[in-house]
Amino acid sequence: MGRLVSTVLRAQHQLLRGELSACLATNGLDVAAFDLFRHHLLWHVSVEERVVMPALIRALGRPPDDRPGLRKDHAGIAALCVPRPEREWVENLKDLLDEHYRVEEAPGGFLSRCDEVLVSTLNDRVVADIEEHPKLTLAAFRKGPSVRAQVAEVLRLTGITARR
């Protein structure tokens, strides 16, 4: 067996943490760095939703118990990547990701479940599927008060609070 799915996803989390920190390294916000980060972040979310979660569901014969919470987090993460970034919203995203990764990486969390369920050749197939997952084409940032209101509503509906 090659690399574990959990190892691949942990490495992605580390890469994303570093990219997000680079966006926030100055008093302002590096918008170009954030655009690259959001491409990588949303690709990672797509991998978890379209590759890893379906493999877990097939292997378990049912959705994992933590799936609703992960999907809500993913919706909030995606919503925060829509508007033209402002430091406050990116800090909200950082807080959300810190908690999301903590939950996924905790003993008994999503990544542990991957190690327990996706064994042997199934693990290898999922890792190959992750590596083959296509890059995403994202729309340009949206801006304006209606966009901020829509994002705030998505966050409210998912139970994620955003600083204003």
N, C-alpha and C. Protein backbone atom coordinates (compact mmCIF):
# COMPACT_ATOMS: atom_id res chain seq x y z
N MET A 1 0.84 -1.17 0.00
CA MET A 1 0.00 0.00 0.00
C MET A 1 0.89 1.24 0.00
N GLY A 2 0.49 2.24 -0.77
CA GLY A 2 1.24 3.50 -0.85
C GLY A 2 0.85 4.44 0.28
N ARG A 3 0.85 5.70 -0.03
CA ARG A 3 0.49 6.71 0.98
C ARG A 3 -0.96 6.56 1.40
N LEU A 4 -1.24 6.89 2.66
CA LEU A 4 -2.61 6.87 3.16
C LEU A 4 -3.37 8.10 2.70
N VAL A 5 -4.67 7.96 2.48
CA VAL A 5 -5.52 9.08 2.14
C VAL A 5 -5.36 10.17 3.20
N SER A 6 -5.33 9.78 4.47
CA SER A 6 -5.21 10.77 5.54
C SER A 6 -3.90 11.55 5.45
N THR A 7 -2.83 10.90 5.03
CA THR A 7 -1.54 11.57 4.87
C THR A 7 -1.61 12.61 3.75
N VAL A 8 -2.25 12.25 2.66
CA VAL A 8 -2.41 13.16 1.54
C VAL A 8 -3.24 14.38 1.96
N LEU A 9 -4.34 14.14 2.66
CA LEU A 9 -5.21 15.25 3.07
C LEU A 9 -4.53 16.12 4.13
N ARG A 10 -3.80 15.52 5.04
CA ARG A 10 -3.03 16.31 6.04
C ARG A 10 -2.01 17.21 5.36
N ALA A 11 -1.32 16.67 4.36
CA ALA A 11 -0.33 17.46 3.63
C ALA A 11 -1.01 18.64 2.92
N GLN A 12 -2.20 18.40 2.38
CA GLN A 12 -2.94 19.50 1.76
C GLN A 12 -3.31 20.55 2.80
N HIS A 13 -3.74 20.11 3.98
CA HIS A 13 -4.07 21.06 5.05
C HIS A 13 -2.86 21.93 5.37
N GLN A 14 -1.68 21.32 5.47
CA GLN A 14 -0.46 22.07 5.80
C GLN A 14 -0.15 23.09 4.71
N LEU A 15 -0.26 22.68 3.46
CA LEU A 15 -0.02 23.59 2.34
C LEU A 15 -0.99 24.77 2.40
N LEU A 16 -2.25 24.47 2.65
CA LEU A 16 -3.28 25.52 2.71
C LEU A 16 -3.04 26.46 3.89
N ARG A 17 -2.64 25.93 5.02
CA ARG A 17 -2.32 26.79 6.18
C ARG A 17 -1.23 27.79 5.81
N GLY A 18 -0.19 27.30 5.16
CA GLY A 18 0.92 28.16 4.77
C GLY A 18 0.50 29.21 3.76
N GLU A 19 -0.28 28.82 2.77
CA GLU A 19 -0.74 29.78 1.77
C GLU A 19 -1.63 30.85 2.40
N LEU A 20 -2.50 30.45 3.31
CA LEU A 20 -3.38 31.43 3.95
C LEU A 20 -2.58 32.38 4.83
N SER A 21 -1.61 31.87 5.54
CA SER A 21 -0.76 32.74 6.35
C SER A 21 -0.04 33.76 5.48
N ALA A 22 0.41 33.34 4.31
CA ALA A 22 1.09 34.27 3.40
C ALA A 22 0.15 35.38 2.94
N CYS A 23 -1.11 35.08 2.75
CA CYS A 23 -2.09 36.10 2.35
C CYS A 23 -2.24 37.17 3.43
N LEU A 24 -2.09 36.76 4.68
CA LEU A 24 -2.31 37.65 5.82
C LEU A 24 -1.01 38.19 6.42
N ALA A 25 0.12 38.00 5.74
CA ALA A 25 1.42 38.34 6.30
C ALA A 25 1.65 39.84 6.48
N THR A 26 0.92 40.65 5.75
CA THR A 26 1.08 42.10 5.89
C THR A 26 -0.13 42.66 6.61
N ASN A 27 -0.11 43.96 6.84
CA ASN A 27 -1.27 44.61 7.48
C ASN A 27 -2.49 44.55 6.58
N GLY A 28 -2.28 44.54 5.30
CA GLY A 28 -3.38 44.46 4.36
C GLY A 28 -3.68 43.02 4.01
N LEU A 29 -3.88 42.78 2.73
CA LEU A 29 -4.18 41.42 2.26
C LEU A 29 -3.63 41.29 0.85
N ASP A 30 -2.90 40.23 0.60
CA ASP A 30 -2.37 39.96 -0.73
C ASP A 30 -3.47 39.25 -1.54
N VAL A 31 -4.16 40.01 -2.40
CA VAL A 31 -5.31 39.49 -3.14
C VAL A 31 -4.88 38.42 -4.14
N ALA A 32 -3.76 38.62 -4.81
CA ALA A 32 -3.29 37.62 -5.79
C ALA A 32 -2.95 36.30 -5.08
N ALA A 33 -2.31 36.41 -3.92
CA ALA A 33 -2.00 35.19 -3.15
C ALA A 33 -3.29 34.53 -2.68
N PHE A 34 -4.27 35.33 -2.29
CA PHE A 34 -5.55 34.75 -1.85
C PHE A 34 -6.25 34.04 -3.01
N ASP A 35 -6.17 34.60 -4.21
CA ASP A 35 -6.81 33.96 -5.36
C ASP A 35 -6.20 32.58 -5.60
N LEU A 36 -4.88 32.47 -5.52
CA LEU A 36 -4.23 31.16 -5.66
C LEU A 36 -4.66 30.23 -4.53
N PHE A 37 -4.66 30.75 -3.31
CA PHE A 37 -5.08 29.97 -2.15
C PHE A 37 -6.50 29.44 -2.33
N ARG A 38 -7.44 30.32 -2.75
CA ARG A 38 -8.83 29.86 -2.87
C ARG A 38 -8.97 28.79 -3.95
N HIS A 39 -8.17 28.85 -5.01
CA HIS A 39 -8.19 27.78 -6.01
C HIS A 39 -7.78 26.45 -5.36
N HIS A 40 -6.69 26.48 -4.59
CA HIS A 40 -6.23 25.26 -3.93
C HIS A 40 -7.22 24.79 -2.87
N LEU A 41 -7.77 25.73 -2.11
CA LEU A 41 -8.73 25.38 -1.05
C LEU A 41 -9.99 24.75 -1.64
N LEU A 42 -10.56 25.36 -2.66
CA LEU A 42 -11.80 24.82 -3.22
C LEU A 42 -11.56 23.51 -3.96
N TRP A 43 -10.35 23.34 -4.51
CA TRP A 43 -10.01 22.04 -5.09
C TRP A 43 -9.97 20.98 -3.99
N HIS A 44 -9.37 21.34 -2.85
CA HIS A 44 -9.30 20.41 -1.71
C HIS A 44 -10.71 20.04 -1.22
N VAL A 45 -11.58 21.03 -1.10
CA VAL A 45 -12.97 20.76 -0.68
C VAL A 45 -13.63 19.83 -1.70
N SER A 46 -13.40 20.09 -2.98
CA SER A 46 -13.96 19.24 -4.03
C SER A 46 -13.44 17.80 -3.91
N VAL A 47 -12.18 17.64 -3.59
CA VAL A 47 -11.61 16.29 -3.39
C VAL A 47 -12.33 15.59 -2.24
N GLU A 48 -12.51 16.29 -1.12
CA GLU A 48 -13.17 15.65 0.02
C GLU A 48 -14.62 15.30 -0.31
N GLU A 49 -15.32 16.19 -1.01
CA GLU A 49 -16.74 15.98 -1.30
C GLU A 49 -16.98 15.00 -2.45
N ARG A 50 -16.14 15.04 -3.48
CA ARG A 50 -16.40 14.27 -4.70
C ARG A 50 -15.58 12.99 -4.83
N VAL A 51 -14.51 12.88 -4.03
CA VAL A 51 -13.67 11.68 -4.12
C VAL A 51 -13.71 10.90 -2.81
N VAL A 52 -13.30 11.55 -1.72
CA VAL A 52 -13.12 10.83 -0.46
C VAL A 52 -14.45 10.45 0.17
N MET A 53 -15.37 11.40 0.29
CA MET A 53 -16.65 11.10 0.94
C MET A 53 -17.42 9.99 0.20
N PRO A 54 -17.54 10.04 -1.14
CA PRO A 54 -18.22 8.92 -1.82
C PRO A 54 -17.53 7.58 -1.59
N ALA A 55 -16.20 7.57 -1.52
CA ALA A 55 -15.49 6.31 -1.25
C ALA A 55 -15.82 5.80 0.15
N LEU A 56 -15.88 6.71 1.13
CA LEU A 56 -16.27 6.31 2.49
C LEU A 56 -17.69 5.77 2.52
N ILE A 57 -18.59 6.44 1.83
CA ILE A 57 -20.00 6.00 1.80
C ILE A 57 -20.10 4.61 1.18
N ARG A 58 -19.39 4.39 0.09
CA ARG A 58 -19.42 3.06 -0.55
C ARG A 58 -18.85 1.99 0.39
N ALA A 59 -17.76 2.31 1.05
CA ALA A 59 -17.11 1.33 1.92
C ALA A 59 -17.94 1.05 3.18
N LEU A 60 -18.56 2.09 3.73
CA LEU A 60 -19.37 1.92 4.95
C LEU A 60 -20.79 1.42 4.67
N GLY A 61 -21.27 1.69 3.46
CA GLY A 61 -22.66 1.37 3.13
C GLY A 61 -23.63 2.42 3.64
N ARG A 62 -23.10 3.55 4.12
CA ARG A 62 -23.91 4.66 4.63
C ARG A 62 -23.00 5.87 4.78
N PRO A 63 -23.59 7.07 4.86
CA PRO A 63 -22.75 8.25 5.09
C PRO A 63 -22.14 8.22 6.49
N PRO A 64 -20.92 8.72 6.64
CA PRO A 64 -20.32 8.82 7.97
C PRO A 64 -21.14 9.76 8.85
N ASP A 65 -21.11 9.52 10.13
CA ASP A 65 -21.91 10.32 11.07
C ASP A 65 -21.57 11.80 11.03
N ASP A 66 -20.32 12.16 10.74
CA ASP A 66 -19.91 13.56 10.76
C ASP A 66 -20.11 14.27 9.43
N ARG A 67 -20.72 13.61 8.45
CA ARG A 67 -20.88 14.20 7.13
C ARG A 67 -21.66 15.51 7.15
N PRO A 68 -22.80 15.63 7.86
CA PRO A 68 -23.53 16.90 7.82
C PRO A 68 -22.70 18.09 8.30
N GLY A 69 -21.94 17.90 9.35
CA GLY A 69 -21.10 18.99 9.85
C GLY A 69 -20.01 19.38 8.87
N LEU A 70 -19.40 18.39 8.24
CA LEU A 70 -18.36 18.67 7.26
C LEU A 70 -18.93 19.40 6.05
N ARG A 71 -20.11 18.99 5.62
CA ARG A 71 -20.73 19.64 4.46
C ARG A 71 -21.10 21.09 4.77
N LYS A 72 -21.57 21.36 5.99
CA LYS A 72 -21.87 22.74 6.38
C LYS A 72 -20.60 23.57 6.38
N ASP A 73 -19.53 23.03 6.94
CA ASP A 73 -18.25 23.74 6.91
C ASP A 73 -17.82 24.02 5.48
N HIS A 74 -17.93 23.02 4.62
CA HIS A 74 -17.52 23.20 3.23
C HIS A 74 -18.35 24.29 2.55
N ALA A 75 -19.63 24.36 2.85
CA ALA A 75 -20.49 25.41 2.27
C ALA A 75 -20.02 26.79 2.75
N GLY A 76 -19.73 26.91 4.04
CA GLY A 76 -19.24 28.17 4.57
C GLY A 76 -17.90 28.56 3.99
N ILE A 77 -17.01 27.59 3.84
CA ILE A 77 -15.70 27.83 3.26
C ILE A 77 -15.85 28.35 1.83
N ALA A 78 -16.69 27.68 1.05
CA ALA A 78 -16.90 28.11 -0.33
C ALA A 78 -17.51 29.51 -0.38
N ALA A 79 -18.45 29.79 0.50
CA ALA A 79 -19.09 31.11 0.50
C ALA A 79 -18.07 32.22 0.78
N LEU A 80 -17.14 31.97 1.66
CA LEU A 80 -16.14 32.99 2.00
C LEU A 80 -15.11 33.19 0.90
N CYS A 81 -15.12 32.33 -0.11
CA CYS A 81 -14.19 32.47 -1.24
C CYS A 81 -14.84 33.19 -2.43
N VAL A 82 -16.09 33.58 -2.32
CA VAL A 82 -16.80 34.23 -3.42
C VAL A 82 -16.51 35.72 -3.52
N PRO A 83 -16.66 36.48 -2.43
CA PRO A 83 -16.48 37.93 -2.57
C PRO A 83 -15.02 38.33 -2.73
N ARG A 84 -14.82 39.49 -3.32
CA ARG A 84 -13.46 40.03 -3.34
C ARG A 84 -12.98 40.05 -1.90
N PRO A 85 -11.82 39.49 -1.63
CA PRO A 85 -11.41 39.31 -0.24
C PRO A 85 -11.11 40.62 0.47
N GLU A 86 -11.53 40.66 1.69
CA GLU A 86 -11.17 41.73 2.62
C GLU A 86 -10.58 41.03 3.82
N ARG A 87 -9.64 41.69 4.45
CA ARG A 87 -8.91 41.06 5.55
C ARG A 87 -9.85 40.44 6.59
N GLU A 88 -10.89 41.16 6.97
CA GLU A 88 -11.82 40.66 8.00
C GLU A 88 -12.45 39.33 7.60
N TRP A 89 -12.87 39.22 6.34
CA TRP A 89 -13.51 37.99 5.88
C TRP A 89 -12.49 36.86 5.77
N VAL A 90 -11.27 37.19 5.37
CA VAL A 90 -10.23 36.16 5.28
C VAL A 90 -9.86 35.68 6.68
N GLU A 91 -9.87 36.57 7.66
CA GLU A 91 -9.63 36.14 9.04
C GLU A 91 -10.76 35.23 9.52
N ASN A 92 -12.00 35.52 9.11
CA ASN A 92 -13.11 34.62 9.41
C ASN A 92 -12.86 33.24 8.80
N LEU A 93 -12.41 33.24 7.57
CA LEU A 93 -12.12 31.98 6.88
C LEU A 93 -11.01 31.22 7.60
N LYS A 94 -9.98 31.93 8.04
CA LYS A 94 -8.88 31.29 8.78
C LYS A 94 -9.40 30.64 10.06
N ASP A 95 -10.26 31.36 10.80
CA ASP A 95 -10.84 30.78 12.02
C ASP A 95 -11.64 29.52 11.70
N LEU A 96 -12.46 29.59 10.67
CA LEU A 96 -13.27 28.45 10.27
C LEU A 96 -12.38 27.27 9.87
N LEU A 97 -11.35 27.53 9.09
CA LEU A 97 -10.46 26.45 8.65
C LEU A 97 -9.69 25.85 9.82
N ASP A 98 -9.22 26.70 10.73
CA ASP A 98 -8.50 26.17 11.89
C ASP A 98 -9.37 25.16 12.64
N GLU A 99 -10.61 25.50 12.87
CA GLU A 99 -11.53 24.60 13.59
C GLU A 99 -11.86 23.38 12.73
N HIS A 100 -12.09 23.60 11.46
CA HIS A 100 -12.44 22.50 10.54
C HIS A 100 -11.30 21.47 10.49
N TYR A 101 -10.07 21.94 10.33
CA TYR A 101 -8.93 21.03 10.29
C TYR A 101 -8.77 20.31 11.63
N ARG A 102 -8.96 21.04 12.73
CA ARG A 102 -8.85 20.43 14.06
C ARG A 102 -9.82 19.26 14.19
N VAL A 103 -11.04 19.46 13.74
CA VAL A 103 -12.06 18.40 13.82
C VAL A 103 -11.69 17.25 12.89
N GLU A 104 -11.31 17.55 11.66
CA GLU A 104 -10.96 16.49 10.71
C GLU A 104 -9.74 15.68 11.17
N GLU A 105 -8.76 16.36 11.77
CA GLU A 105 -7.51 15.72 12.13
C GLU A 105 -7.52 15.10 13.53
N ALA A 106 -8.56 15.32 14.30
CA ALA A 106 -8.63 14.80 15.67
C ALA A 106 -8.71 13.28 15.67
N PRO A 107 -8.25 12.64 16.75
CA PRO A 107 -8.44 11.19 16.87
C PRO A 107 -9.94 10.87 16.74
N GLY A 108 -10.25 9.92 15.90
CA GLY A 108 -11.64 9.56 15.67
C GLY A 108 -12.35 10.45 14.66
N GLY A 109 -11.64 11.44 14.11
CA GLY A 109 -12.22 12.37 13.14
C GLY A 109 -12.22 11.80 11.73
N PHE A 110 -12.52 12.67 10.79
CA PHE A 110 -12.65 12.30 9.38
C PHE A 110 -11.41 11.57 8.86
N LEU A 111 -10.23 12.09 9.16
CA LEU A 111 -9.02 11.46 8.63
C LEU A 111 -8.77 10.09 9.27
N SER A 112 -9.07 9.95 10.54
CA SER A 112 -8.96 8.64 11.19
C SER A 112 -9.92 7.65 10.56
N ARG A 113 -11.12 8.13 10.24
CA ARG A 113 -12.11 7.26 9.61
C ARG A 113 -11.61 6.79 8.25
N CYS A 114 -10.94 7.68 7.52
CA CYS A 114 -10.36 7.27 6.24
C CYS A 114 -9.37 6.13 6.43
N ASP A 115 -8.51 6.23 7.46
CA ASP A 115 -7.53 5.18 7.73
C ASP A 115 -8.19 3.87 8.10
N GLU A 116 -9.29 3.94 8.85
CA GLU A 116 -9.99 2.73 9.30
C GLU A 116 -10.73 2.04 8.16
N VAL A 117 -11.34 2.83 7.29
CA VAL A 117 -12.28 2.29 6.31
C VAL A 117 -11.64 2.08 4.93
N LEU A 118 -10.81 3.02 4.53
CA LEU A 118 -10.21 2.94 3.19
C LEU A 118 -8.88 2.21 3.30
N VAL A 119 -8.94 0.90 3.25
CA VAL A 119 -7.76 0.07 3.45
C VAL A 119 -7.29 -0.54 2.14
N SER A 120 -6.03 -0.88 2.11
CA SER A 120 -5.39 -1.64 1.04
C SER A 120 -5.62 -1.01 -0.33
N THR A 121 -6.13 -1.81 -1.26
CA THR A 121 -6.28 -1.33 -2.63
C THR A 121 -7.30 -0.20 -2.72
N LEU A 122 -8.29 -0.17 -1.84
CA LEU A 122 -9.26 0.93 -1.86
C LEU A 122 -8.56 2.24 -1.53
N ASN A 123 -7.69 2.23 -0.52
CA ASN A 123 -6.92 3.42 -0.19
C ASN A 123 -6.10 3.88 -1.39
N ASP A 124 -5.42 2.94 -2.03
CA ASP A 124 -4.58 3.28 -3.18
C ASP A 124 -5.41 3.87 -4.31
N ARG A 125 -6.60 3.33 -4.53
CA ARG A 125 -7.49 3.85 -5.58
C ARG A 125 -7.93 5.27 -5.26
N VAL A 126 -8.26 5.53 -4.01
CA VAL A 126 -8.71 6.87 -3.61
C VAL A 126 -7.55 7.87 -3.75
N VAL A 127 -6.35 7.48 -3.34
CA VAL A 127 -5.19 8.37 -3.51
C VAL A 127 -4.99 8.67 -5.00
N ALA A 128 -5.09 7.66 -5.85
CA ALA A 128 -4.95 7.88 -7.30
C ALA A 128 -6.05 8.82 -7.80
N ASP A 129 -7.28 8.63 -7.32
CA ASP A 129 -8.38 9.51 -7.73
C ASP A 129 -8.15 10.95 -7.28
N ILE A 130 -7.57 11.12 -6.08
CA ILE A 130 -7.24 12.47 -5.61
C ILE A 130 -6.22 13.10 -6.56
N GLU A 131 -5.19 12.36 -6.89
CA GLU A 131 -4.14 12.89 -7.75
C GLU A 131 -4.65 13.21 -9.15
N GLU A 132 -5.69 12.49 -9.60
CA GLU A 132 -6.25 12.71 -10.94
C GLU A 132 -7.40 13.72 -10.93
N HIS A 133 -7.80 14.18 -9.76
CA HIS A 133 -8.94 15.09 -9.68
C HIS A 133 -8.63 16.38 -10.45
N PRO A 134 -9.54 16.78 -11.35
CA PRO A 134 -9.23 17.94 -12.20
C PRO A 134 -9.17 19.26 -11.43
N LYS A 135 -8.35 20.15 -11.97
CA LYS A 135 -8.27 21.49 -11.41
C LYS A 135 -9.61 22.18 -11.63
N LEU A 136 -9.89 23.18 -10.81
CA LEU A 136 -11.15 23.91 -10.90
C LEU A 136 -10.96 25.21 -11.68
N THR A 137 -12.00 25.61 -12.36
CA THR A 137 -12.04 26.93 -12.97
C THR A 137 -13.01 27.75 -12.14
N LEU A 138 -12.52 28.82 -11.55
CA LEU A 138 -13.34 29.63 -10.66
C LEU A 138 -13.71 30.94 -11.33
N ALA A 139 -14.88 31.43 -10.98
CA ALA A 139 -15.30 32.74 -11.44
C ALA A 139 -14.47 33.80 -10.74
N ALA A 140 -14.45 34.97 -11.33
CA ALA A 140 -13.77 36.10 -10.69
C ALA A 140 -14.47 36.41 -9.38
N PHE A 141 -13.75 37.10 -8.50
CA PHE A 141 -14.36 37.53 -7.25
C PHE A 141 -15.59 38.38 -7.55
N ARG A 142 -16.58 38.26 -6.70
CA ARG A 142 -17.76 39.11 -6.81
C ARG A 142 -17.65 40.17 -5.73
N LYS A 143 -18.24 41.33 -5.99
CA LYS A 143 -18.15 42.38 -5.00
C LYS A 143 -19.47 43.13 -4.91
N GLY A 144 -19.60 43.86 -3.83
CA GLY A 144 -20.80 44.67 -3.62
C GLY A 144 -21.54 44.23 -2.38
N PRO A 145 -22.41 45.12 -1.90
CA PRO A 145 -23.14 44.82 -0.66
C PRO A 145 -24.06 43.60 -0.77
N SER A 146 -24.64 43.36 -1.94
CA SER A 146 -25.54 42.20 -2.06
C SER A 146 -24.76 40.90 -1.92
N VAL A 147 -23.54 40.88 -2.42
CA VAL A 147 -22.71 39.67 -2.30
C VAL A 147 -22.40 39.42 -0.83
N ARG A 148 -21.99 40.45 -0.12
CA ARG A 148 -21.69 40.29 1.31
C ARG A 148 -22.92 39.81 2.06
N ALA A 149 -24.08 40.33 1.72
CA ALA A 149 -25.32 39.91 2.38
C ALA A 149 -25.63 38.45 2.07
N GLN A 150 -25.43 38.05 0.84
CA GLN A 150 -25.68 36.65 0.46
C GLN A 150 -24.72 35.71 1.18
N VAL A 151 -23.46 36.09 1.26
CA VAL A 151 -22.48 35.26 1.96
C VAL A 151 -22.83 35.17 3.44
N ALA A 152 -23.18 36.30 4.02
CA ALA A 152 -23.56 36.31 5.44
C ALA A 152 -24.76 35.39 5.68
N GLU A 153 -25.70 35.37 4.75
CA GLU A 153 -26.87 34.50 4.89
C GLU A 153 -26.48 33.03 4.79
N VAL A 154 -25.58 32.69 3.87
CA VAL A 154 -25.10 31.30 3.78
C VAL A 154 -24.44 30.90 5.09
N LEU A 155 -23.62 31.78 5.63
CA LEU A 155 -22.94 31.48 6.89
C LEU A 155 -23.96 31.31 8.02
N ARG A 156 -24.98 32.15 8.03
CA ARG A 156 -26.02 32.04 9.06
C ARG A 156 -26.75 30.70 8.93
N LEU A 157 -27.11 30.34 7.71
CA LEU A 157 -27.84 29.09 7.47
C LEU A 157 -27.01 27.86 7.83
N THR A 158 -25.72 27.95 7.69
CA THR A 158 -24.85 26.82 8.02
C THR A 158 -24.43 26.82 9.48
N GLY A 159 -24.83 27.87 10.20
CA GLY A 159 -24.50 27.93 11.62
C GLY A 159 -23.10 28.48 11.89
N ILE A 160 -22.53 29.10 10.89
CA ILE A 160 -21.20 29.69 11.03
C ILE A 160 -21.36 31.18 11.23
N THR A 161 -20.78 31.71 12.27
CA THR A 161 -20.90 33.13 12.52
C THR A 161 -19.69 33.84 11.93
N ALA A 162 -19.95 34.97 11.32
CA ALA A 162 -18.88 35.76 10.73
C ALA A 162 -18.77 37.08 11.47
N ARG A 163 -17.53 37.51 11.65
CA ARG A 163 -17.30 38.85 12.21
C ARG A 163 -17.74 39.86 11.19
N ARG A 164 -18.23 40.97 11.62
CA ARG A 164 -18.64 42.03 10.69
C ARG A 164 -17.74 43.21 10.80
